[in-house]
Amino acid sequence: MSASADLPSFARRTRHGLELDVSVIPNAKRTEVVGLHDGALRVRLHAPPVDGKANEALIRWLAEQLGVARASLSLLRGQTARRKTVSLATDASDARLVALLARLVPPAEG
């Protein structure tokens, strides 16, 4: 099985890399993943939804979690919505990146 077949449900390959569907909850006590919601990675963000602060916090946090340059990530859709699509310019077959994406999702509770 190829690494691209192992992408989590919130990620998909594109011509330019990957797209990630993210559902955000701004104004949280801390930034953290809380699971999946409607096919999107659900992330609590410490930043408020004011003047693009939550969007910037999401991009910075994803870059840190995935070990990629902040410049390789951009917000495609959802600038003012909780449901966002983030573009990641990368080699979508990068096994290390696929493993990091999979680790973002907490294990299902028994």
PDB file of N, CA and C in Angstrom:
ATOM      1  N   MET A   1       0.836  -1.179   0.000  1.00  0.00           N
ATOM      2  CA  MET A   1       0.000   0.000   0.000  1.00  0.00           C
ATOM      3  C   MET A   1       0.881   1.242   0.000  1.00  0.00           C
ATOM      4  N   SER A   2       0.555   2.209  -0.833  1.00  0.00           N
ATOM      5  CA  SER A   2       1.375   3.412  -0.918  1.00  0.00           C
ATOM      6  C   SER A   2       1.050   4.361   0.222  1.00  0.00           C
ATOM      7  N   ALA A   3       1.973   5.263   0.477  1.00  0.00           N
ATOM      8  CA  ALA A   3       1.775   6.219   1.564  1.00  0.00           C
ATOM      9  C   ALA A   3       0.554   7.093   1.312  1.00  0.00           C
ATOM     10  N   SER A   4       0.283   7.451   0.055  1.00  0.00           N
ATOM     11  CA  SER A   4      -0.849   8.325  -0.234  1.00  0.00           C
ATOM     12  C   SER A   4      -2.175   7.639   0.070  1.00  0.00           C
ATOM     13  N   ALA A   5      -2.223   6.307  -0.021  1.00  0.00           N
ATOM     14  CA  ALA A   5      -3.449   5.585   0.307  1.00  0.00           C
ATOM     15  C   ALA A   5      -3.707   5.609   1.811  1.00  0.00           C
ATOM     16  N   ASP A   6      -2.702   5.928   2.597  1.00  0.00           N
ATOM     17  CA  ASP A   6      -2.826   5.937   4.047  1.00  0.00           C
ATOM     18  C   ASP A   6      -3.202   7.307   4.611  1.00  0.00           C
ATOM     19  N   LEU A   7      -3.572   8.238   3.770  1.00  0.00           N
ATOM     20  CA  LEU A   7      -3.942   9.570   4.259  1.00  0.00           C
ATOM     21  C   LEU A   7      -5.180   9.487   5.139  1.00  0.00           C
ATOM     22  N   PRO A   8      -5.219  10.250   6.226  1.00  0.00           N
ATOM     23  CA  PRO A   8      -6.424  10.282   7.051  1.00  0.00           C
ATOM     24  C   PRO A   8      -7.588  10.909   6.285  1.00  0.00           C
ATOM     25  N   SER A   9      -8.783  10.719   6.776  1.00  0.00           N
ATOM     26  CA  SER A   9      -9.986  11.146   6.061  1.00  0.00           C
ATOM     27  C   SER A   9     -10.070  12.652   5.827  1.00  0.00           C
ATOM     28  N   PHE A  10      -9.406  13.450   6.635  1.00  0.00           N
ATOM     29  CA  PHE A  10      -9.480  14.908   6.488  1.00  0.00           C
ATOM     30  C   PHE A  10      -8.475  15.452   5.479  1.00  0.00           C
ATOM     31  N   ALA A  11      -7.656  14.586   4.870  1.00  0.00           N
ATOM     32  CA  ALA A  11      -6.618  15.022   3.922  1.00  0.00           C
ATOM     33  C   ALA A  11      -6.850  14.377   2.555  1.00  0.00           C
ATOM     34  N   ARG A  12      -6.516  15.111   1.509  1.00  0.00           N
ATOM     35  CA  ARG A  12      -6.604  14.560   0.151  1.00  0.00           C
ATOM     36  C   ARG A  12      -5.494  15.142  -0.711  1.00  0.00           C
ATOM     37  N   ARG A  13      -5.059  14.329  -1.660  1.00  0.00           N
ATOM     38  CA  ARG A  13      -4.017  14.773  -2.588  1.00  0.00           C
ATOM     39  C   ARG A  13      -4.604  15.700  -3.634  1.00  0.00           C
ATOM     40  N   THR A  14      -3.774  16.649  -4.071  1.00  0.00           N
ATOM     41  CA  THR A  14      -4.121  17.534  -5.183  1.00  0.00           C
ATOM     42  C   THR A  14      -2.910  17.607  -6.104  1.00  0.00           C
ATOM     43  N   ARG A  15      -3.037  18.340  -7.184  1.00  0.00           N
ATOM     44  CA  ARG A  15      -1.893  18.506  -8.106  1.00  0.00           C
ATOM     45  C   ARG A  15      -0.722  19.193  -7.419  1.00  0.00           C
ATOM     46  N   HIS A  16      -1.013  20.021  -6.420  1.00  0.00           N
ATOM     47  CA  HIS A  16       0.024  20.838  -5.799  1.00  0.00           C
ATOM     48  C   HIS A  16       0.473  20.333  -4.435  1.00  0.00           C
ATOM     49  N   GLY A  17      -0.107  19.238  -3.962  1.00  0.00           N
ATOM     50  CA  GLY A  17       0.270  18.711  -2.655  1.00  0.00           C
ATOM     51  C   GLY A  17      -0.901  18.080  -1.949  1.00  0.00           C
ATOM     52  N   LEU A  18      -1.307  18.698  -0.846  1.00  0.00           N
ATOM     53  CA  LEU A  18      -2.415  18.180  -0.045  1.00  0.00           C
ATOM     54  C   LEU A  18      -3.386  19.292   0.318  1.00  0.00           C
ATOM     55  N   GLU A  19      -4.637  18.912   0.530  1.00  0.00           N
ATOM     56  CA  GLU A  19      -5.627  19.805   1.120  1.00  0.00           C
ATOM     57  C   GLU A  19      -6.100  19.154   2.405  1.00  0.00           C
ATOM     58  N   LEU A  20      -6.236  19.954   3.447  1.00  0.00           N
ATOM     59  CA  LEU A  20      -6.663  19.478   4.758  1.00  0.00           C
ATOM     60  C   LEU A  20      -7.958  20.182   5.140  1.00  0.00           C
ATOM     61  N   ASP A  21      -8.967  19.408   5.512  1.00  0.00           N
ATOM     62  CA  ASP A  21     -10.214  19.978   6.007  1.00  0.00           C
ATOM     63  C   ASP A  21     -10.107  20.086   7.518  1.00  0.00           C
ATOM     64  N   VAL A  22     -10.346  21.291   8.035  1.00  0.00           N
ATOM     65  CA  VAL A  22     -10.195  21.552   9.463  1.00  0.00           C
ATOM     66  C   VAL A  22     -11.428  22.297   9.968  1.00  0.00           C
ATOM     67  N   SER A  23     -11.928  21.857  11.102  1.00  0.00           N
ATOM     68  CA  SER A  23     -13.023  22.534  11.790  1.00  0.00           C
ATOM     69  C   SER A  23     -12.434  23.131  13.071  1.00  0.00           C
ATOM     70  N   VAL A  24     -12.549  24.438  13.242  1.00  0.00           N
ATOM     71  CA  VAL A  24     -11.888  25.092  14.372  1.00  0.00           C
ATOM     72  C   VAL A  24     -12.888  25.591  15.416  1.00  0.00           C
ATOM     73  N   ILE A  25     -12.419  25.605  16.649  1.00  0.00           N
ATOM     74  CA  ILE A  25     -13.150  26.171  17.777  1.00  0.00           C
ATOM     75  C   ILE A  25     -12.228  27.237  18.369  1.00  0.00           C
ATOM     76  N   PRO A  26     -12.477  28.517  18.060  1.00  0.00           N
ATOM     77  CA  PRO A  26     -11.604  29.581  18.564  1.00  0.00           C
ATOM     78  C   PRO A  26     -11.846  29.876  20.044  1.00  0.00           C
ATOM     79  N   ASN A  27     -10.952  30.658  20.621  1.00  0.00           N
ATOM     80  CA  ASN A  27     -11.053  31.115  22.015  1.00  0.00           C
ATOM     81  C   ASN A  27     -10.974  29.988  23.036  1.00  0.00           C
ATOM     82  N   ALA A  28     -10.268  28.920  22.718  1.00  0.00           N
ATOM     83  CA  ALA A  28     -10.118  27.808  23.654  1.00  0.00           C
ATOM     84  C   ALA A  28      -9.017  28.135  24.670  1.00  0.00           C
ATOM     85  N   LYS A  29      -8.967  27.361  25.742  1.00  0.00           N
ATOM     86  CA  LYS A  29      -7.921  27.566  26.746  1.00  0.00           C
ATOM     87  C   LYS A  29      -6.545  27.256  26.188  1.00  0.00           C
ATOM     88  N   ARG A  30      -6.477  26.271  25.287  1.00  0.00           N
ATOM     89  CA  ARG A  30      -5.204  25.920  24.650  1.00  0.00           C
ATOM     90  C   ARG A  30      -5.493  25.367  23.258  1.00  0.00           C
ATOM     91  N   THR A  31      -4.477  25.344  22.414  1.00  0.00           N
ATOM     92  CA  THR A  31      -4.615  24.808  21.073  1.00  0.00           C
ATOM     93  C   THR A  31      -4.350  23.307  21.122  1.00  0.00           C
ATOM     94  N   GLU A  32      -5.340  22.544  20.607  1.00  0.00           N
ATOM     95  CA  GLU A  32      -5.216  21.091  20.619  1.00  0.00           C
ATOM     96  C   GLU A  32      -6.222  20.470  19.658  1.00  0.00           C
ATOM     97  N   VAL A  33      -5.902  19.255  19.218  1.00  0.00           N
ATOM     98  CA  VAL A  33      -6.830  18.478  18.402  1.00  0.00           C
ATOM     99  C   VAL A  33      -7.806  17.786  19.341  1.00  0.00           C
ATOM    100  N   VAL A  34      -9.079  17.810  18.971  1.00  0.00           N
ATOM    101  CA  VAL A  34     -10.075  17.131  19.796  1.00  0.00           C
ATOM    102  C   VAL A  34     -10.749  15.981  19.061  1.00  0.00           C
ATOM    103  N   GLY A  35     -10.295  15.682  17.856  1.00  0.00           N
ATOM    104  CA  GLY A  35     -10.838  14.546  17.110  1.00  0.00           C
ATOM    105  C   GLY A  35     -11.230  14.929  15.699  1.00  0.00           C
ATOM    106  N   LEU A  36     -12.190  14.187  15.183  1.00  0.00           N
ATOM    107  CA  LEU A  36     -12.724  14.439  13.847  1.00  0.00           C
ATOM    108  C   LEU A  36     -14.171  14.871  13.976  1.00  0.00           C
ATOM    109  N   HIS A  37     -14.594  15.731  13.052  1.00  0.00           N
ATOM    110  CA  HIS A  37     -15.981  16.188  13.031  1.00  0.00           C
ATOM    111  C   HIS A  37     -16.392  16.385  11.585  1.00  0.00           C
ATOM    112  N   ASP A  38     -17.367  15.613  11.137  1.00  0.00           N
ATOM    113  CA  ASP A  38     -17.874  15.746   9.763  1.00  0.00           C
ATOM    114  C   ASP A  38     -16.767  15.637   8.716  1.00  0.00           C
ATOM    115  N   GLY A  39     -15.834  14.717   8.913  1.00  0.00           N
ATOM    116  CA  GLY A  39     -14.755  14.509   7.955  1.00  0.00           C
ATOM    117  C   GLY A  39     -13.622  15.513   8.041  1.00  0.00           C
ATOM    118  N   ALA A  40     -13.646  16.366   9.057  1.00  0.00           N
ATOM    119  CA  ALA A  40     -12.600  17.375   9.219  1.00  0.00           C
ATOM    120  C   ALA A  40     -11.869  17.154  10.540  1.00  0.00           C
ATOM    121  N   LEU A  41     -10.614  17.555  10.571  1.00  0.00           N
ATOM    122  CA  LEU A  41      -9.846  17.545  11.802  1.00  0.00           C
ATOM    123  C   LEU A  41     -10.402  18.659  12.687  1.00  0.00           C
ATOM    124  N   ARG A  42     -10.812  18.323  13.898  1.00  0.00           N
ATOM    125  CA  ARG A  42     -11.399  19.320  14.812  1.00  0.00           C
ATOM    126  C   ARG A  42     -10.296  19.836  15.725  1.00  0.00           C
ATOM    127  N   VAL A  43     -10.054  21.151  15.691  1.00  0.00           N
ATOM    128  CA  VAL A  43      -8.955  21.761  16.445  1.00  0.00           C
ATOM    129  C   VAL A  43      -9.495  22.910  17.290  1.00  0.00           C
ATOM    130  N   ARG A  44      -9.176  22.863  18.578  1.00  0.00           N
ATOM    131  CA  ARG A  44      -9.442  24.009  19.448  1.00  0.00           C
ATOM    132  C   ARG A  44      -8.255  24.954  19.309  1.00  0.00           C
ATOM    133  N   LEU A  45      -8.555  26.235  19.106  1.00  0.00           N
ATOM    134  CA  LEU A  45      -7.505  27.243  18.958  1.00  0.00           C
ATOM    135  C   LEU A  45      -7.576  28.235  20.112  1.00  0.00           C
ATOM    136  N   HIS A  46      -6.431  28.536  20.673  1.00  0.00           N
ATOM    137  CA  HIS A  46      -6.359  29.519  21.753  1.00  0.00           C
ATOM    138  C   HIS A  46      -6.687  30.923  21.244  1.00  0.00           C
ATOM    139  N   ALA A  47      -6.417  31.187  19.998  1.00  0.00           N
ATOM    140  CA  ALA A  47      -6.583  32.527  19.421  1.00  0.00           C
ATOM    141  C   ALA A  47      -8.060  32.884  19.235  1.00  0.00           C
ATOM    142  N   PRO A  48      -8.380  34.184  19.334  1.00  0.00           N
ATOM    143  CA  PRO A  48      -9.751  34.634  19.096  1.00  0.00           C
ATOM    144  C   PRO A  48     -10.027  34.752  17.592  1.00  0.00           C
ATOM    145  N   PRO A  49     -11.309  34.682  17.203  1.00  0.00           N
ATOM    146  CA  PRO A  49     -11.656  34.806  15.779  1.00  0.00           C
ATOM    147  C   PRO A  49     -11.775  36.271  15.359  1.00  0.00           C
ATOM    148  N   VAL A  50     -10.723  37.033  15.586  1.00  0.00           N
ATOM    149  CA  VAL A  50     -10.744  38.467  15.314  1.00  0.00           C
ATOM    150  C   VAL A  50      -9.558  38.828  14.431  1.00  0.00           C
ATOM    151  N   ASP A  51      -9.827  39.599  13.389  1.00  0.00           N
ATOM    152  CA  ASP A  51      -8.766  40.114  12.509  1.00  0.00           C
ATOM    153  C   ASP A  51      -7.844  39.020  11.973  1.00  0.00           C
ATOM    154  N   GLY A  52      -8.368  37.825  11.714  1.00  0.00           N
ATOM    155  CA  GLY A  52      -7.570  36.756  11.138  1.00  0.00           C
ATOM    156  C   GLY A  52      -6.629  36.071  12.114  1.00  0.00           C
ATOM    157  N   LYS A  53      -6.727  36.381  13.400  1.00  0.00           N
ATOM    158  CA  LYS A  53      -5.812  35.796  14.388  1.00  0.00           C
ATOM    159  C   LYS A  53      -5.967  34.288  14.489  1.00  0.00           C
ATOM    160  N   ALA A  54      -7.193  33.796  14.458  1.00  0.00           N
ATOM    161  CA  ALA A  54      -7.408  32.347  14.527  1.00  0.00           C
ATOM    162  C   ALA A  54      -6.868  31.659  13.279  1.00  0.00           C
ATOM    163  N   ASN A  55      -7.047  32.261  12.124  1.00  0.00           N
ATOM    164  CA  ASN A  55      -6.521  31.682  10.882  1.00  0.00           C
ATOM    165  C   ASN A  55      -5.002  31.585  10.932  1.00  0.00           C
ATOM    166  N   GLU A  56      -4.359  32.656  11.354  1.00  0.00           N
ATOM    167  CA  GLU A  56      -2.900  32.660  11.443  1.00  0.00           C
ATOM    168  C   GLU A  56      -2.421  31.652  12.483  1.00  0.00           C
ATOM    169  N   ALA A  57      -3.116  31.557  13.600  1.00  0.00           N
ATOM    170  CA  ALA A  57      -2.745  30.595  14.639  1.00  0.00           C
ATOM    171  C   ALA A  57      -2.865  29.165  14.118  1.00  0.00           C
ATOM    172  N   LEU A  58      -3.910  28.899  13.347  1.00  0.00           N
ATOM    173  CA  LEU A  58      -4.085  27.563  12.771  1.00  0.00           C
ATOM    174  C   LEU A  58      -2.934  27.220  11.830  1.00  0.00           C
ATOM    175  N   ILE A  59      -2.572  28.141  10.953  1.00  0.00           N
ATOM    176  CA  ILE A  59      -1.488  27.900   9.995  1.00  0.00           C
ATOM    177  C   ILE A  59      -0.168  27.681  10.733  1.00  0.00           C
ATOM    178  N   ARG A  60       0.124  28.527  11.703  1.00  0.00           N
ATOM    179  CA  ARG A  60       1.371  28.359  12.488  1.00  0.00           C
ATOM    180  C   ARG A  60       1.391  27.029  13.221  1.00  0.00           C
ATOM    181  N   TRP A  61       0.270  26.656  13.834  1.00  0.00           N
ATOM    182  CA  TRP A  61       0.184  25.410  14.592  1.00  0.00           C
ATOM    183  C   TRP A  61       0.355  24.201  13.678  1.00  0.00           C
ATOM    184  N   LEU A  62      -0.317  24.216  12.516  1.00  0.00           N
ATOM    185  CA  LEU A  62      -0.165  23.101  11.573  1.00  0.00           C
ATOM    186  C   LEU A  62       1.279  22.982  11.092  1.00  0.00           C
ATOM    187  N   ALA A  63       1.910  24.110  10.792  1.00  0.00           N
ATOM    188  CA  ALA A  63       3.304  24.087  10.339  1.00  0.00           C
ATOM    189  C   ALA A  63       4.197  23.454  11.402  1.00  0.00           C
ATOM    190  N   GLU A  64       3.980  23.821  12.651  1.00  0.00           N
ATOM    191  CA  GLU A  64       4.778  23.266  13.749  1.00  0.00           C
ATOM    192  C   GLU A  64       4.525  21.767  13.916  1.00  0.00           C
ATOM    193  N   GLN A  65       3.268  21.357  13.877  1.00  0.00           N
ATOM    194  CA  GLN A  65       2.917  19.950  14.074  1.00  0.00           C
ATOM    195  C   GLN A  65       3.449  19.060  12.952  1.00  0.00           C
ATOM    196  N   LEU A  66       3.461  19.600  11.731  1.00  0.00           N
ATOM    197  CA  LEU A  66       3.872  18.809  10.567  1.00  0.00           C
ATOM    198  C   LEU A  66       5.342  18.990  10.213  1.00  0.00           C
ATOM    199  N   GLY A  67       6.019  19.909  10.884  1.00  0.00           N
ATOM    200  CA  GLY A  67       7.434  20.118  10.602  1.00  0.00           C
ATOM    201  C   GLY A  67       7.694  20.676   9.220  1.00  0.00           C
ATOM    202  N   VAL A  68       6.803  21.570   8.771  1.00  0.00           N
ATOM    203  CA  VAL A  68       6.951  22.190   7.456  1.00  0.00           C
ATOM    204  C   VAL A  68       7.061  23.703   7.625  1.00  0.00           C
ATOM    205  N   ALA A  69       7.524  24.366   6.597  1.00  0.00           N
ATOM    206  CA  ALA A  69       7.614  25.828   6.634  1.00  0.00           C
ATOM    207  C   ALA A  69       6.215  26.428   6.617  1.00  0.00           C
ATOM    208  N   ARG A  70       6.035  27.476   7.371  1.00  0.00           N
ATOM    209  CA  ARG A  70       4.751  28.156   7.417  1.00  0.00           C
ATOM    210  C   ARG A  70       4.331  28.592   6.010  1.00  0.00           C
ATOM    211  N   ALA A  71       5.283  28.969   5.190  1.00  0.00           N
ATOM    212  CA  ALA A  71       4.998  29.432   3.835  1.00  0.00           C
ATOM    213  C   ALA A  71       4.431  28.334   2.932  1.00  0.00           C
ATOM    214  N   SER A  72       4.592  27.071   3.315  1.00  0.00           N
ATOM    215  CA  SER A  72       4.056  25.979   2.492  1.00  0.00           C
ATOM    216  C   SER A  72       2.568  25.745   2.751  1.00  0.00           C
ATOM    217  N   LEU A  73       2.009  26.430   3.739  1.00  0.00           N
ATOM    218  CA  LEU A  73       0.590  26.299   4.078  1.00  0.00           C
ATOM    219  C   LEU A  73      -0.151  27.575   3.722  1.00  0.00           C
ATOM    220  N   SER A  74      -1.375  27.421   3.221  1.00  0.00           N
ATOM    221  CA  SER A  74      -2.212  28.590   2.949  1.00  0.00           C
ATOM    222  C   SER A  74      -3.671  28.213   3.135  1.00  0.00           C
ATOM    223  N   LEU A  75      -4.464  29.191   3.499  1.00  0.00           N
ATOM    224  CA  LEU A  75      -5.885  28.991   3.710  1.00  0.00           C
ATOM    225  C   LEU A  75      -6.599  29.164   2.372  1.00  0.00           C
ATOM    226  N   LEU A  76      -7.224  28.093   1.886  1.00  0.00           N
ATOM    227  CA  LEU A  76      -7.928  28.145   0.602  1.00  0.00           C
ATOM    228  C   LEU A  76      -9.362  28.624   0.756  1.00  0.00           C
ATOM    229  N   ARG A  77     -10.048  28.074   1.747  1.00  0.00           N
ATOM    230  CA  ARG A  77     -11.454  28.385   1.962  1.00  0.00           C
ATOM    231  C   ARG A  77     -11.728  28.502   3.459  1.00  0.00           C
ATOM    232  N   GLY A  78     -12.733  29.323   3.806  1.00  0.00           N
ATOM    233  CA  GLY A  78     -13.179  29.420   5.181  1.00  0.00           C
ATOM    234  C   GLY A  78     -12.529  30.532   5.970  1.00  0.00           C
ATOM    235  N   GLN A  79     -12.132  31.603   5.315  1.00  0.00           N
ATOM    236  CA  GLN A  79     -11.470  32.706   6.019  1.00  0.00           C
ATOM    237  C   GLN A  79     -12.299  33.216   7.195  1.00  0.00           C
ATOM    238  N   THR A  80     -13.620  33.230   7.057  1.00  0.00           N
ATOM    239  CA  THR A  80     -14.463  33.740   8.140  1.00  0.00           C
ATOM    240  C   THR A  80     -15.382  32.658   8.716  1.00  0.00           C
ATOM    241  N   ALA A  81     -15.131  31.415   8.371  1.00  0.00           N
ATOM    242  CA  ALA A  81     -15.966  30.305   8.850  1.00  0.00           C
ATOM    243  C   ALA A  81     -15.166  29.393   9.769  1.00  0.00           C
ATOM    244  N   ARG A  82     -15.880  28.572  10.507  1.00  0.00           N
ATOM    245  CA  ARG A  82     -15.192  27.598  11.367  1.00  0.00           C
ATOM    246  C   ARG A  82     -14.649  26.427  10.559  1.00  0.00           C
ATOM    247  N   ARG A  83     -15.292  26.106   9.453  1.00  0.00           N
ATOM    248  CA  ARG A  83     -14.844  25.022   8.579  1.00  0.00           C
ATOM    249  C   ARG A  83     -13.877  25.619   7.562  1.00  0.00           C
ATOM    250  N   LYS A  84     -12.658  25.097   7.529  1.00  0.00           N
ATOM    251  CA  LYS A  84     -11.603  25.661   6.687  1.00  0.00           C
ATOM    252  C   LYS A  84     -10.958  24.578   5.832  1.00  0.00           C
ATOM    253  N   THR A  85     -10.411  24.975   4.699  1.00  0.00           N
ATOM    254  CA  THR A  85      -9.599  24.097   3.872  1.00  0.00           C
ATOM    255  C   THR A  85      -8.221  24.728   3.764  1.00  0.00           C
ATOM    256  N   VAL A  86      -7.215  23.966   4.179  1.00  0.00           N
ATOM    257  CA  VAL A  86      -5.834  24.442   4.175  1.00  0.00           C
ATOM    258  C   VAL A  86      -5.073  23.688   3.094  1.00  0.00           C
ATOM    259  N   SER A  87      -4.318  24.409   2.293  1.00  0.00           N
ATOM    260  CA  SER A  87      -3.476  23.815   1.265  1.00  0.00           C
ATOM    261  C   SER A  87      -2.062  23.650   1.815  1.00  0.00           C
ATOM    262  N   LEU A  88      -1.476  22.500   1.543  1.00  0.00           N
ATOM    263  CA  LEU A  88      -0.096  22.218   1.934  1.00  0.00           C
ATOM    264  C   LEU A  88       0.680  21.867   0.680  1.00  0.00           C
ATOM    265  N   ALA A  89       1.580  22.759   0.269  1.00  0.00           N
ATOM    266  CA  ALA A  89       2.400  22.530  -0.916  1.00  0.00           C
ATOM    267  C   ALA A  89       3.533  21.586  -0.531  1.00  0.00           C
ATOM    268  N   THR A  90       3.421  20.336  -0.971  1.00  0.00           N
ATOM    269  CA  THR A  90       4.401  19.324  -0.589  1.00  0.00           C
ATOM    270  C   THR A  90       4.293  18.126  -1.514  1.00  0.00           C
ATOM    271  N   ASP A  91       5.197  17.203  -1.345  1.00  0.00           N
ATOM    272  CA  ASP A  91       5.119  15.916  -2.033  1.00  0.00           C
ATOM    273  C   ASP A  91       4.148  15.054  -1.233  1.00  0.00           C
ATOM    274  N   ALA A  92       2.953  14.822  -1.787  1.00  0.00           N
ATOM    275  CA  ALA A  92       1.904  14.101  -1.056  1.00  0.00           C
ATOM    276  C   ALA A  92       2.276  12.657  -0.764  1.00  0.00           C
ATOM    277  N   SER A  93       3.329  12.150  -1.376  1.00  0.00           N
ATOM    278  CA  SER A  93       3.731  10.763  -1.117  1.00  0.00           C
ATOM    279  C   SER A  93       4.796  10.673  -0.027  1.00  0.00           C
ATOM    280  N   ASP A  94       5.125  11.794   0.594  1.00  0.00           N
ATOM    281  CA  ASP A  94       6.112  11.828   1.679  1.00  0.00           C
ATOM    282  C   ASP A  94       5.598  11.006   2.864  1.00  0.00           C
ATOM    283  N   ALA A  95       6.193   9.850   3.094  1.00  0.00           N
ATOM    284  CA  ALA A  95       5.728   8.934   4.144  1.00  0.00           C
ATOM    285  C   ALA A  95       5.817   9.567   5.528  1.00  0.00           C
ATOM    286  N   ARG A  96       6.831  10.381   5.774  1.00  0.00           N
ATOM    287  CA  ARG A  96       6.977  11.038   7.078  1.00  0.00           C
ATOM    288  C   ARG A  96       5.799  11.974   7.330  1.00  0.00           C
ATOM    289  N   LEU A  97       5.423  12.740   6.323  1.00  0.00           N
ATOM    290  CA  LEU A  97       4.316  13.678   6.465  1.00  0.00           C
ATOM    291  C   LEU A  97       2.999  12.931   6.648  1.00  0.00           C
ATOM    292  N   VAL A  98       2.794  11.865   5.912  1.00  0.00           N
ATOM    293  CA  VAL A  98       1.576  11.069   6.057  1.00  0.00           C
ATOM    294  C   VAL A  98       1.464  10.525   7.479  1.00  0.00           C
ATOM    295  N   ALA A  99       2.584  10.060   8.033  1.00  0.00           N
ATOM    296  CA  ALA A  99       2.584   9.550   9.411  1.00  0.00           C
ATOM    297  C   ALA A  99       2.257  10.666  10.407  1.00  0.00           C
ATOM    298  N   LEU A 100       2.800  11.863  10.194  1.00  0.00           N
ATOM    299  CA  LEU A 100       2.508  12.987  11.088  1.00  0.00           C
ATOM    300  C   LEU A 100       1.032  13.388  11.021  1.00  0.00           C
ATOM    301  N   LEU A 101       0.465  13.371   9.826  1.00  0.00           N
ATOM    302  CA  LEU A 101      -0.961  13.679   9.683  1.00  0.00           C
ATOM    303  C   LEU A 101      -1.808  12.669  10.450  1.00  0.00           C
ATOM    304  N   ALA A 102      -1.461  11.404  10.318  1.00  0.00           N
ATOM    305  CA  ALA A 102      -2.219  10.356  11.003  1.00  0.00           C
ATOM    306  C   ALA A 102      -2.124  10.516  12.518  1.00  0.00           C
ATOM    307  N   ARG A 103      -0.974  10.956  13.015  1.00  0.00           N
ATOM    308  CA  ARG A 103      -0.793  11.119  14.461  1.00  0.00           C
ATOM    309  C   ARG A 103      -1.543  12.311  15.037  1.00  0.00           C
ATOM    310  N   LEU A 104      -1.990  13.220  14.175  1.00  0.00           N
ATOM    311  CA  LEU A 104      -2.759  14.365  14.668  1.00  0.00           C
ATOM    312  C   LEU A 104      -4.102  13.926  15.255  1.00  0.00           C
ATOM    313  N   VAL A 105      -4.648  12.828  14.725  1.00  0.00           N
ATOM    314  CA  VAL A 105      -5.965  12.373  15.162  1.00  0.00           C
ATOM    315  C   VAL A 105      -5.812  11.523  16.417  1.00  0.00           C
ATOM    316  N   PRO A 106      -6.469  11.918  17.502  1.00  0.00           N
ATOM    317  CA  PRO A 106      -6.373  11.108  18.723  1.00  0.00           C
ATOM    318  C   PRO A 106      -7.041   9.756  18.517  1.00  0.00           C
ATOM    319  N   PRO A 107      -6.565   8.714  19.209  1.00  0.00           N
ATOM    320  CA  PRO A 107      -7.185   7.398  19.072  1.00  0.00           C
ATOM    321  C   PRO A 107      -8.644   7.442  19.521  1.00  0.00           C
ATOM    322  N   ALA A 108      -9.461   6.619  18.891  1.00  0.00           N
ATOM    323  CA  ALA A 108     -10.880   6.571  19.252  1.00  0.00           C
ATOM    324  C   ALA A 108     -11.031   6.075  20.684  1.00  0.00           C
ATOM    325  N   GLU A 109     -11.975   6.671  21.369  1.00  0.00           N
ATOM    326  CA  GLU A 109     -12.215   6.253  22.749  1.00  0.00           C
ATOM    327  C   GLU A 109     -12.996   4.946  22.746  1.00  0.00           C
ATOM    328  N   GLY A 110     -12.578   4.023  23.615  1.00  0.00           N
ATOM    329  CA  GLY A 110     -13.174   2.695  23.682  1.00  0.00           C
ATOM    330  C   GLY A 110     -14.485   2.737  24.306  1.00  0.00           C
TER     331      GLY A 110
END
